[in-house]
Amino acid sequence: MQESRHQPTAPTRTRRLAPGTAIDAHRHDDHQIAYAGRGVVAVTTDAGSWVAPANRAIWIPAGSVHAHQAHGELRLHLIGLPAADNPLGLDEPTVLSVSPLLRELILAYTRTPQDDDSPERARLRAVLLDQLRASPQRPLHLPAPTVPHLKAVCELLHADPADTRTLAALGRAVGASDRTLSRLFRTDLGMTFPQWRTQLRLSHALVLLAENTPVTAVAHQCGWSSASAFIDVFHRAFGHTPGTYQSA
């Protein structure tokens, strides 16, 4: 990741960002929660990227160098928490499930000034932390490769998520055997090739849906054989159909 700036205090506020807008690489001494009340937010670190629509939030641990990217018209809610407040004990970025109650708590907490030390806001914060402790973690992480041959394969698929070539065919394109690449996916990225490609396609699908791309077109552009196949995988991953994630 590019050289980053140091912003000691993680802000608690709401920001509206136009599609494609980025917040450059930076780090805080505090933890931070990033939640998209509208649109989709992507958080990128050297270790990979995390994408979150409106029923997910991203936990960013203190000290993590990260950048934000807006997809669709983004209403970004940011909550800063002191390094001592780590309700889930997480030391790496993680996607969390956001219940209807947690969503309302995030919206309410980011509507009040960061320097508000009223008892009412303290109680709101306490309930917010309780809800975070109960939030399930969701595996929506797209790890970044560090090995040259694996980087080359992943770059090909990033350029065209609909690429249906087998690992053997991709290996021929980058000068590596499918056996070597299969091993590298497990050792370098911690998942199999099909798992990684599915994560890539789901992440890309969230971006396209935030831009109001029709579901059938999203399925085609992300490499699914049909809209129904895409909807099935999407529903199993997120618990809702793709249309839920499109901007109103």
C-alpha atoms as a PDB file:
ATOM      1  CA  MET A   1       0.000   0.000   0.000  1.00  0.00           C
ATOM      2  CA  GLN A   2       1.116   3.561  -0.701  1.00  0.00           C
ATOM      3  CA  GLU A   3       2.687   5.778   1.958  1.00  0.00           C
ATOM      4  CA  SER A   4       0.074   6.563   4.559  1.00  0.00           C
ATOM      5  CA  ARG A   5      -0.787   9.469   6.808  1.00  0.00           C
ATOM      6  CA  HIS A   6      -1.250   9.213  10.561  1.00  0.00           C
ATOM      7  CA  GLN A   7      -4.530  10.481  11.956  1.00  0.00           C
ATOM      8  CA  PRO A   8      -4.293   9.652  15.687  1.00  0.00           C
ATOM      9  CA  THR A   9      -7.986   9.891  16.524  1.00  0.00           C
ATOM     10  CA  ALA A  10     -10.461   7.867  14.474  1.00  0.00           C
ATOM     11  CA  PRO A  11     -13.401  10.184  13.764  1.00  0.00           C
ATOM     12  CA  THR A  12     -17.024   9.442  14.588  1.00  0.00           C
ATOM     13  CA  ARG A  13     -19.141  11.046  11.888  1.00  0.00           C
ATOM     14  CA  THR A  14     -21.175  10.562   8.728  1.00  0.00           C
ATOM     15  CA  ARG A  15     -19.716  11.312   5.297  1.00  0.00           C
ATOM     16  CA  ARG A  16     -21.397  11.360   1.917  1.00  0.00           C
ATOM     17  CA  LEU A  17     -19.107  10.218  -0.884  1.00  0.00           C
ATOM     18  CA  ALA A  18     -19.768  10.220  -4.612  1.00  0.00           C
ATOM     19  CA  PRO A  19     -19.323   6.953  -6.568  1.00  0.00           C
ATOM     20  CA  GLY A  20     -15.662   6.136  -7.034  1.00  0.00           C
ATOM     21  CA  THR A  21     -14.476   8.536  -4.330  1.00  0.00           C
ATOM     22  CA  ALA A  22     -11.558   7.273  -2.249  1.00  0.00           C
ATOM     23  CA  ILE A  23     -10.178   8.121   1.183  1.00  0.00           C
ATOM     24  CA  ASP A  24      -6.445   7.617   0.864  1.00  0.00           C
ATOM     25  CA  ALA A  25      -4.328   5.268   2.976  1.00  0.00           C
ATOM     26  CA  HIS A  26      -4.103   6.246   6.629  1.00  0.00           C
ATOM     27  CA  ARG A  27      -4.020   4.796  10.138  1.00  0.00           C
ATOM     28  CA  HIS A  28      -5.453   5.644  13.543  1.00  0.00           C
ATOM     29  CA  ASP A  29      -4.407   4.963  17.118  1.00  0.00           C
ATOM     30  CA  ASP A  30      -8.060   4.020  17.680  1.00  0.00           C
ATOM     31  CA  HIS A  31     -10.210   1.203  16.353  1.00  0.00           C
ATOM     32  CA  GLN A  32     -12.766   2.178  13.736  1.00  0.00           C
ATOM     33  CA  ILE A  33     -16.049   0.823  12.417  1.00  0.00           C
ATOM     34  CA  ALA A  34     -17.001   1.637   8.827  1.00  0.00           C
ATOM     35  CA  TYR A  35     -20.644   1.171   7.861  1.00  0.00           C
ATOM     36  CA  ALA A  36     -22.411   1.980   4.600  1.00  0.00           C
ATOM     37  CA  GLY A  37     -25.908   3.261   5.334  1.00  0.00           C
ATOM     38  CA  ARG A  38     -26.278   3.534   1.567  1.00  0.00           C
ATOM     39  CA  GLY A  39     -24.074   2.175  -1.201  1.00  0.00           C
ATOM     40  CA  VAL A  40     -21.128  -0.142  -0.628  1.00  0.00           C
ATOM     41  CA  VAL A  41     -17.831   0.589   1.126  1.00  0.00           C
ATOM     42  CA  ALA A  42     -14.583  -1.254   0.411  1.00  0.00           C
ATOM     43  CA  VAL A  43     -11.633  -1.164   2.808  1.00  0.00           C
ATOM     44  CA  THR A  44      -8.213  -2.131   1.483  1.00  0.00           C
ATOM     45  CA  THR A  45      -5.014  -2.996   3.349  1.00  0.00           C
ATOM     46  CA  ASP A  46      -1.804  -4.725   2.307  1.00  0.00           C
ATOM     47  CA  ALA A  47      -3.451  -7.995   3.332  1.00  0.00           C
ATOM     48  CA  GLY A  48      -6.398  -7.656   0.949  1.00  0.00           C
ATOM     49  CA  SER A  49      -9.808  -6.045   0.723  1.00  0.00           C
ATOM     50  CA  TRP A  50     -13.084  -6.201   2.619  1.00  0.00           C
ATOM     51  CA  VAL A  51     -16.402  -5.150   1.057  1.00  0.00           C
ATOM     52  CA  ALA A  52     -19.544  -4.296   3.008  1.00  0.00           C
ATOM     53  CA  PRO A  53     -23.084  -3.453   1.884  1.00  0.00           C
ATOM     54  CA  ALA A  54     -25.815  -2.154   4.183  1.00  0.00           C
ATOM     55  CA  ASN A  55     -26.176  -5.239   6.396  1.00  0.00           C
ATOM     56  CA  ARG A  56     -22.443  -5.517   7.055  1.00  0.00           C
ATOM     57  CA  ALA A  57     -19.875  -3.310   8.792  1.00  0.00           C
ATOM     58  CA  ILE A  58     -16.092  -3.448   8.688  1.00  0.00           C
ATOM     59  CA  TRP A  59     -14.030  -3.550  11.872  1.00  0.00           C
ATOM     60  CA  ILE A  60     -10.657  -1.814  11.411  1.00  0.00           C
ATOM     61  CA  PRO A  61      -8.238  -2.409  14.312  1.00  0.00           C
ATOM     62  CA  ALA A  62      -6.087   0.373  15.738  1.00  0.00           C
ATOM     63  CA  GLY A  63      -2.879   0.871  13.792  1.00  0.00           C
ATOM     64  CA  SER A  64      -4.114  -0.780  10.574  1.00  0.00           C
ATOM     65  CA  VAL A  65      -3.113   1.150   7.465  1.00  0.00           C
ATOM     66  CA  HIS A  66      -6.233   1.232   5.321  1.00  0.00           C
ATOM     67  CA  ALA A  67      -7.998   3.077   2.511  1.00  0.00           C
ATOM     68  CA  HIS A  68     -11.718   3.453   1.795  1.00  0.00           C
ATOM     69  CA  GLN A  69     -13.425   3.255  -1.597  1.00  0.00           C
ATOM     70  CA  ALA A  70     -17.010   4.314  -2.338  1.00  0.00           C
ATOM     71  CA  HIS A  71     -19.191   2.287  -4.687  1.00  0.00           C
ATOM     72  CA  GLY A  72     -22.509   3.830  -5.560  1.00  0.00           C
ATOM     73  CA  GLU A  73     -23.696   6.912  -3.690  1.00  0.00           C
ATOM     74  CA  LEU A  74     -22.091   6.158  -0.349  1.00  0.00           C
ATOM     75  CA  ARG A  75     -23.362   7.349   3.001  1.00  0.00           C
ATOM     76  CA  LEU A  76     -20.452   6.312   5.188  1.00  0.00           C
ATOM     77  CA  HIS A  77     -20.885   6.107   8.956  1.00  0.00           C
ATOM     78  CA  LEU A  78     -17.606   6.005  10.868  1.00  0.00           C
ATOM     79  CA  ILE A  79     -17.247   5.223  14.570  1.00  0.00           C
ATOM     80  CA  GLY A  80     -13.963   5.584  16.420  1.00  0.00           C
ATOM     81  CA  LEU A  81     -13.335   3.552  19.564  1.00  0.00           C
ATOM     82  CA  PRO A  82     -10.343   3.790  21.929  1.00  0.00           C
ATOM     83  CA  ALA A  83      -7.799   1.006  21.508  1.00  0.00           C
ATOM     84  CA  ALA A  84      -8.877  -0.390  24.893  1.00  0.00           C
ATOM     85  CA  ASP A  85     -12.424  -0.974  23.568  1.00  0.00           C
ATOM     86  CA  ASN A  86     -12.250  -4.152  21.496  1.00  0.00           C
ATOM     87  CA  PRO A  87     -15.518  -5.982  22.191  1.00  0.00           C
ATOM     88  CA  LEU A  88     -14.712  -8.872  19.836  1.00  0.00           C
ATOM     89  CA  GLY A  89     -10.985  -9.072  20.491  1.00  0.00           C
ATOM     90  CA  LEU A  90     -10.203  -8.659  16.796  1.00  0.00           C
ATOM     91  CA  ASP A  91      -6.719  -7.721  15.644  1.00  0.00           C
ATOM     92  CA  GLU A  92      -7.337  -7.675  11.885  1.00  0.00           C
ATOM     93  CA  PRO A  93     -10.005  -6.115   9.669  1.00  0.00           C
ATOM     94  CA  THR A  94     -13.200  -8.158   9.767  1.00  0.00           C
ATOM     95  CA  VAL A  95     -16.662  -7.945   8.233  1.00  0.00           C
ATOM     96  CA  LEU A  96     -19.429  -8.053  10.844  1.00  0.00           C
ATOM     97  CA  SER A  97     -23.116  -8.743  10.447  1.00  0.00           C
ATOM     98  CA  VAL A  98     -25.300  -5.705  11.197  1.00  0.00           C
ATOM     99  CA  SER A  99     -28.702  -6.436  12.717  1.00  0.00           C
ATOM    100  CA  PRO A 100     -31.560  -3.924  12.362  1.00  0.00           C
ATOM    101  CA  LEU A 101     -30.928  -2.815  15.974  1.00  0.00           C
ATOM    102  CA  LEU A 102     -27.185  -2.366  15.444  1.00  0.00           C
ATOM    103  CA  ARG A 103     -27.880  -0.391  12.274  1.00  0.00           C
ATOM    104  CA  GLU A 104     -30.104   2.050  14.179  1.00  0.00           C
ATOM    105  CA  LEU A 105     -27.498   2.366  16.939  1.00  0.00           C
ATOM    106  CA  ILE A 106     -24.785   3.199  14.404  1.00  0.00           C
ATOM    107  CA  LEU A 107     -26.989   5.777  12.698  1.00  0.00           C
ATOM    108  CA  ALA A 108     -27.947   7.381  16.024  1.00  0.00           C
ATOM    109  CA  TYR A 109     -24.389   7.398  17.378  1.00  0.00           C
ATOM    110  CA  THR A 110     -22.961   9.062  14.269  1.00  0.00           C
ATOM    111  CA  ARG A 111     -25.657  11.749  14.316  1.00  0.00           C
ATOM    112  CA  THR A 112     -24.395  13.212  17.595  1.00  0.00           C
ATOM    113  CA  PRO A 113     -21.191  15.280  17.899  1.00  0.00           C
ATOM    114  CA  GLN A 114     -18.037  13.333  18.679  1.00  0.00           C
ATOM    115  CA  ASP A 115     -17.322  15.514  21.714  1.00  0.00           C
ATOM    116  CA  ASP A 116     -20.773  14.948  23.218  1.00  0.00           C
ATOM    117  CA  ASP A 117     -20.114  13.478  26.674  1.00  0.00           C
ATOM    118  CA  SER A 118     -23.725  13.432  27.837  1.00  0.00           C
ATOM    119  CA  PRO A 119     -25.064  10.476  29.871  1.00  0.00           C
ATOM    120  CA  GLU A 120     -27.500   9.717  27.047  1.00  0.00           C
ATOM    121  CA  ARG A 121     -24.692   9.258  24.529  1.00  0.00           C
ATOM    122  CA  ALA A 122     -22.695   7.170  27.027  1.00  0.00           C
ATOM    123  CA  ARG A 123     -25.661   4.813  27.393  1.00  0.00           C
ATOM    124  CA  LEU A 124     -26.041   4.655  23.611  1.00  0.00           C
ATOM    125  CA  ARG A 125     -22.371   3.747  23.300  1.00  0.00           C
ATOM    126  CA  ALA A 126     -22.684   1.003  25.925  1.00  0.00           C
ATOM    127  CA  VAL A 127     -25.562  -0.629  24.038  1.00  0.00           C
ATOM    128  CA  LEU A 128     -23.628  -0.247  20.773  1.00  0.00           C
ATOM    129  CA  LEU A 129     -20.662  -2.137  22.271  1.00  0.00           C
ATOM    130  CA  ASP A 130     -23.002  -4.843  23.566  1.00  0.00           C
ATOM    131  CA  GLN A 131     -24.463  -5.314  20.098  1.00  0.00           C
ATOM    132  CA  LEU A 132     -21.012  -5.436  18.535  1.00  0.00           C
ATOM    133  CA  ARG A 133     -20.068  -8.253  20.927  1.00  0.00           C
ATOM    134  CA  ALA A 134     -23.046 -10.214  19.608  1.00  0.00           C
ATOM    135  CA  SER A 135     -22.309  -9.533  15.920  1.00  0.00           C
ATOM    136  CA  PRO A 136     -21.352 -12.626  13.912  1.00  0.00           C
ATOM    137  CA  GLN A 137     -18.251 -12.369  11.755  1.00  0.00           C
ATOM    138  CA  ARG A 138     -18.754 -12.826   8.014  1.00  0.00           C
ATOM    139  CA  PRO A 139     -16.103 -14.256   5.648  1.00  0.00           C
ATOM    140  CA  LEU A 140     -16.151 -11.495   3.043  1.00  0.00           C
ATOM    141  CA  HIS A 141     -12.413 -11.020   2.794  1.00  0.00           C
ATOM    142  CA  LEU A 142     -10.516 -11.106  -0.481  1.00  0.00           C
ATOM    143  CA  PRO A 143      -6.895 -11.744   0.520  1.00  0.00           C
ATOM    144  CA  ALA A 144      -4.095 -10.242  -1.575  1.00  0.00           C
ATOM    145  CA  PRO A 145      -1.421 -12.568  -2.976  1.00  0.00           C
ATOM    146  CA  THR A 146       2.266 -12.058  -2.246  1.00  0.00           C
ATOM    147  CA  VAL A 147       3.792 -14.663  -4.602  1.00  0.00           C
ATOM    148  CA  PRO A 148       4.593 -13.522  -8.200  1.00  0.00           C
ATOM    149  CA  HIS A 149       2.833 -16.334 -10.112  1.00  0.00           C
ATOM    150  CA  LEU A 150      -0.198 -16.064  -7.849  1.00  0.00           C
ATOM    151  CA  LYS A 151      -0.250 -12.282  -8.253  1.00  0.00           C
ATOM    152  CA  ALA A 152      -0.292 -12.721 -12.033  1.00  0.00           C
ATOM    153  CA  VAL A 153      -3.263 -15.116 -11.896  1.00  0.00           C
ATOM    154  CA  CYS A 154      -5.203 -12.888  -9.502  1.00  0.00           C
ATOM    155  CA  GLU A 155      -4.560  -9.837 -11.686  1.00  0.00           C
ATOM    156  CA  LEU A 156      -6.045 -11.671 -14.685  1.00  0.00           C
ATOM    157  CA  LEU A 157      -9.188 -12.471 -12.714  1.00  0.00           C
ATOM    158  CA  HIS A 158      -9.451  -8.999 -11.207  1.00  0.00           C
ATOM    159  CA  ALA A 159      -9.372  -7.613 -14.760  1.00  0.00           C
ATOM    160  CA  ASP A 160     -12.184  -9.968 -15.777  1.00  0.00           C
ATOM    161  CA  PRO A 161     -14.091 -11.715 -12.971  1.00  0.00           C
ATOM    162  CA  ALA A 162     -16.155 -13.497 -15.638  1.00  0.00           C
ATOM    163  CA  ASP A 163     -13.031 -15.319 -16.903  1.00  0.00           C
ATOM    164  CA  THR A 164     -13.998 -19.007 -16.805  1.00  0.00           C
ATOM    165  CA  ARG A 165     -10.580 -20.495 -17.513  1.00  0.00           C
ATOM    166  CA  THR A 166      -9.503 -23.413 -15.368  1.00  0.00           C
ATOM    167  CA  LEU A 167      -6.538 -23.128 -13.037  1.00  0.00           C
ATOM    168  CA  ALA A 168      -4.521 -25.178 -15.530  1.00  0.00           C
ATOM    169  CA  ALA A 169      -5.327 -22.714 -18.335  1.00  0.00           C
ATOM    170  CA  LEU A 170      -4.522 -19.738 -16.137  1.00  0.00           C
ATOM    171  CA  GLY A 171      -1.311 -21.453 -15.132  1.00  0.00           C
ATOM    172  CA  ARG A 172      -0.255 -21.792 -18.756  1.00  0.00           C
ATOM    173  CA  ALA A 173      -0.853 -18.066 -19.179  1.00  0.00           C
ATOM    174  CA  VAL A 174       1.480 -17.171 -16.300  1.00  0.00           C
ATOM    175  CA  GLY A 175       4.019 -19.982 -16.597  1.00  0.00           C
ATOM    176  CA  ALA A 176       3.084 -22.146 -13.610  1.00  0.00           C
ATOM    177  CA  SER A 177       1.460 -25.545 -13.179  1.00  0.00           C
ATOM    178  CA  ASP A 178      -2.025 -25.880 -11.789  1.00  0.00           C
ATOM    179  CA  ARG A 179      -0.607 -28.066  -9.012  1.00  0.00           C
ATOM    180  CA  THR A 180       1.789 -25.305  -7.962  1.00  0.00           C
ATOM    181  CA  LEU A 181      -0.915 -22.660  -8.131  1.00  0.00           C
ATOM    182  CA  SER A 182      -3.359 -24.794  -6.161  1.00  0.00           C
ATOM    183  CA  ARG A 183      -0.776 -25.188  -3.409  1.00  0.00           C
ATOM    184  CA  LEU A 184      -0.023 -21.452  -3.435  1.00  0.00           C
ATOM    185  CA  PHE A 185      -3.692 -20.527  -3.077  1.00  0.00           C
ATOM    186  CA  ARG A 186      -3.815 -22.589   0.111  1.00  0.00           C
ATOM    187  CA  THR A 187      -0.485 -21.501   1.585  1.00  0.00           C
ATOM    188  CA  ASP A 188      -0.480 -17.830   0.544  1.00  0.00           C
ATOM    189  CA  LEU A 189      -4.187 -16.982   0.631  1.00  0.00           C
ATOM    190  CA  GLY A 190      -5.582 -19.602   3.011  1.00  0.00           C
ATOM    191  CA  MET A 191      -8.285 -20.788   0.631  1.00  0.00           C
ATOM    192  CA  THR A 192      -8.765 -22.871  -2.487  1.00  0.00           C
ATOM    193  CA  PHE A 193      -8.837 -21.395  -5.984  1.00  0.00           C
ATOM    194  CA  PRO A 194     -12.636 -21.849  -6.356  1.00  0.00           C
ATOM    195  CA  GLN A 195     -13.200 -20.219  -2.956  1.00  0.00           C
ATOM    196  CA  TRP A 196     -11.033 -17.223  -3.860  1.00  0.00           C
ATOM    197  CA  ARG A 197     -12.676 -16.785  -7.264  1.00  0.00           C
ATOM    198  CA  THR A 198     -16.130 -16.908  -5.671  1.00  0.00           C
ATOM    199  CA  GLN A 199     -15.086 -14.241  -3.146  1.00  0.00           C
ATOM    200  CA  LEU A 200     -13.774 -12.092  -5.994  1.00  0.00           C
ATOM    201  CA  ARG A 201     -17.003 -12.456  -7.946  1.00  0.00           C
ATOM    202  CA  LEU A 202     -19.175 -11.686  -4.923  1.00  0.00           C
ATOM    203  CA  SER A 203     -17.116  -8.590  -4.125  1.00  0.00           C
ATOM    204  CA  HIS A 204     -17.376  -7.414  -7.729  1.00  0.00           C
ATOM    205  CA  ALA A 205     -21.112  -8.152  -7.716  1.00  0.00           C
ATOM    206  CA  LEU A 206     -21.627  -5.900  -4.681  1.00  0.00           C
ATOM    207  CA  VAL A 207     -19.859  -3.061  -6.510  1.00  0.00           C
ATOM    208  CA  LEU A 208     -21.989  -3.505  -9.643  1.00  0.00           C
ATOM    209  CA  LEU A 209     -25.210  -3.717  -7.621  1.00  0.00           C
ATOM    210  CA  ALA A 210     -24.299  -0.487  -5.815  1.00  0.00           C
ATOM    211  CA  GLU A 211     -24.073   1.112  -9.258  1.00  0.00           C
ATOM    212  CA  ASN A 212     -27.609  -0.148 -10.019  1.00  0.00           C
ATOM    213  CA  THR A 213     -26.492  -2.641 -12.647  1.00  0.00           C
ATOM    214  CA  PRO A 214     -29.379  -5.052 -13.396  1.00  0.00           C
ATOM    215  CA  VAL A 215     -29.095  -8.418 -11.653  1.00  0.00           C
ATOM    216  CA  THR A 216     -28.929 -10.380 -14.915  1.00  0.00           C
ATOM    217  CA  ALA A 217     -26.087  -8.171 -16.167  1.00  0.00           C
ATOM    218  CA  VAL A 218     -24.259  -8.563 -12.840  1.00  0.00           C
ATOM    219  CA  ALA A 219     -24.523 -12.352 -13.114  1.00  0.00           C
ATOM    220  CA  HIS A 220     -23.071 -12.261 -16.644  1.00  0.00           C
ATOM    221  CA  GLN A 221     -20.265  -9.804 -15.810  1.00  0.00           C
ATOM    222  CA  CYS A 222     -19.226 -11.827 -12.765  1.00  0.00           C
ATOM    223  CA  GLY A 223     -19.091 -15.184 -14.523  1.00  0.00           C
ATOM    224  CA  TRP A 224     -22.221 -17.017 -13.383  1.00  0.00           C
ATOM    225  CA  SER A 225     -23.946 -19.193 -15.958  1.00  0.00           C
ATOM    226  CA  SER A 226     -27.361 -17.724 -15.203  1.00  0.00           C
ATOM    227  CA  ALA A 227     -29.095 -15.148 -13.052  1.00  0.00           C
ATOM    228  CA  SER A 228     -30.648 -17.922 -10.957  1.00  0.00           C
ATOM    229  CA  ALA A 229     -27.223 -19.461 -10.238  1.00  0.00           C
ATOM    230  CA  PHE A 230     -25.932 -16.040  -9.182  1.00  0.00           C
ATOM    231  CA  ILE A 231     -28.946 -15.366  -6.964  1.00  0.00           C
ATOM    232  CA  ASP A 232     -28.506 -18.748  -5.256  1.00  0.00           C
ATOM    233  CA  VAL A 233     -24.813 -18.173  -4.441  1.00  0.00           C
ATOM    234  CA  PHE A 234     -25.477 -14.580  -3.392  1.00  0.00           C
ATOM    235  CA  HIS A 235     -28.336 -15.577  -1.104  1.00  0.00           C
ATOM    236  CA  ARG A 236     -26.239 -18.281   0.577  1.00  0.00           C
ATOM    237  CA  ALA A 237     -23.418 -15.786   1.133  1.00  0.00           C
ATOM    238  CA  PHE A 238     -25.460 -12.818   2.374  1.00  0.00           C
ATOM    239  CA  GLY A 239     -28.858 -14.139   3.416  1.00  0.00           C
ATOM    240  CA  HIS A 240     -30.708 -11.892   0.965  1.00  0.00           C
ATOM    241  CA  THR A 241     -31.282 -11.679  -2.763  1.00  0.00           C
ATOM    242  CA  PRO A 242     -29.105  -9.325  -4.877  1.00  0.00           C
ATOM    243  CA  GLY A 243     -31.913  -6.811  -5.387  1.00  0.00           C
ATOM    244  CA  THR A 244     -31.761  -5.955  -1.671  1.00  0.00           C
ATOM    245  CA  TYR A 245     -28.365  -4.302  -2.163  1.00  0.00           C
ATOM    246  CA  GLN A 246     -29.268  -1.968  -4.968  1.00  0.00           C
ATOM    247  CA  SER A 247     -29.700   1.718  -4.182  1.00  0.00           C
ATOM    248  CA  ALA A 248     -33.230   2.910  -3.662  1.00  0.00           C
END
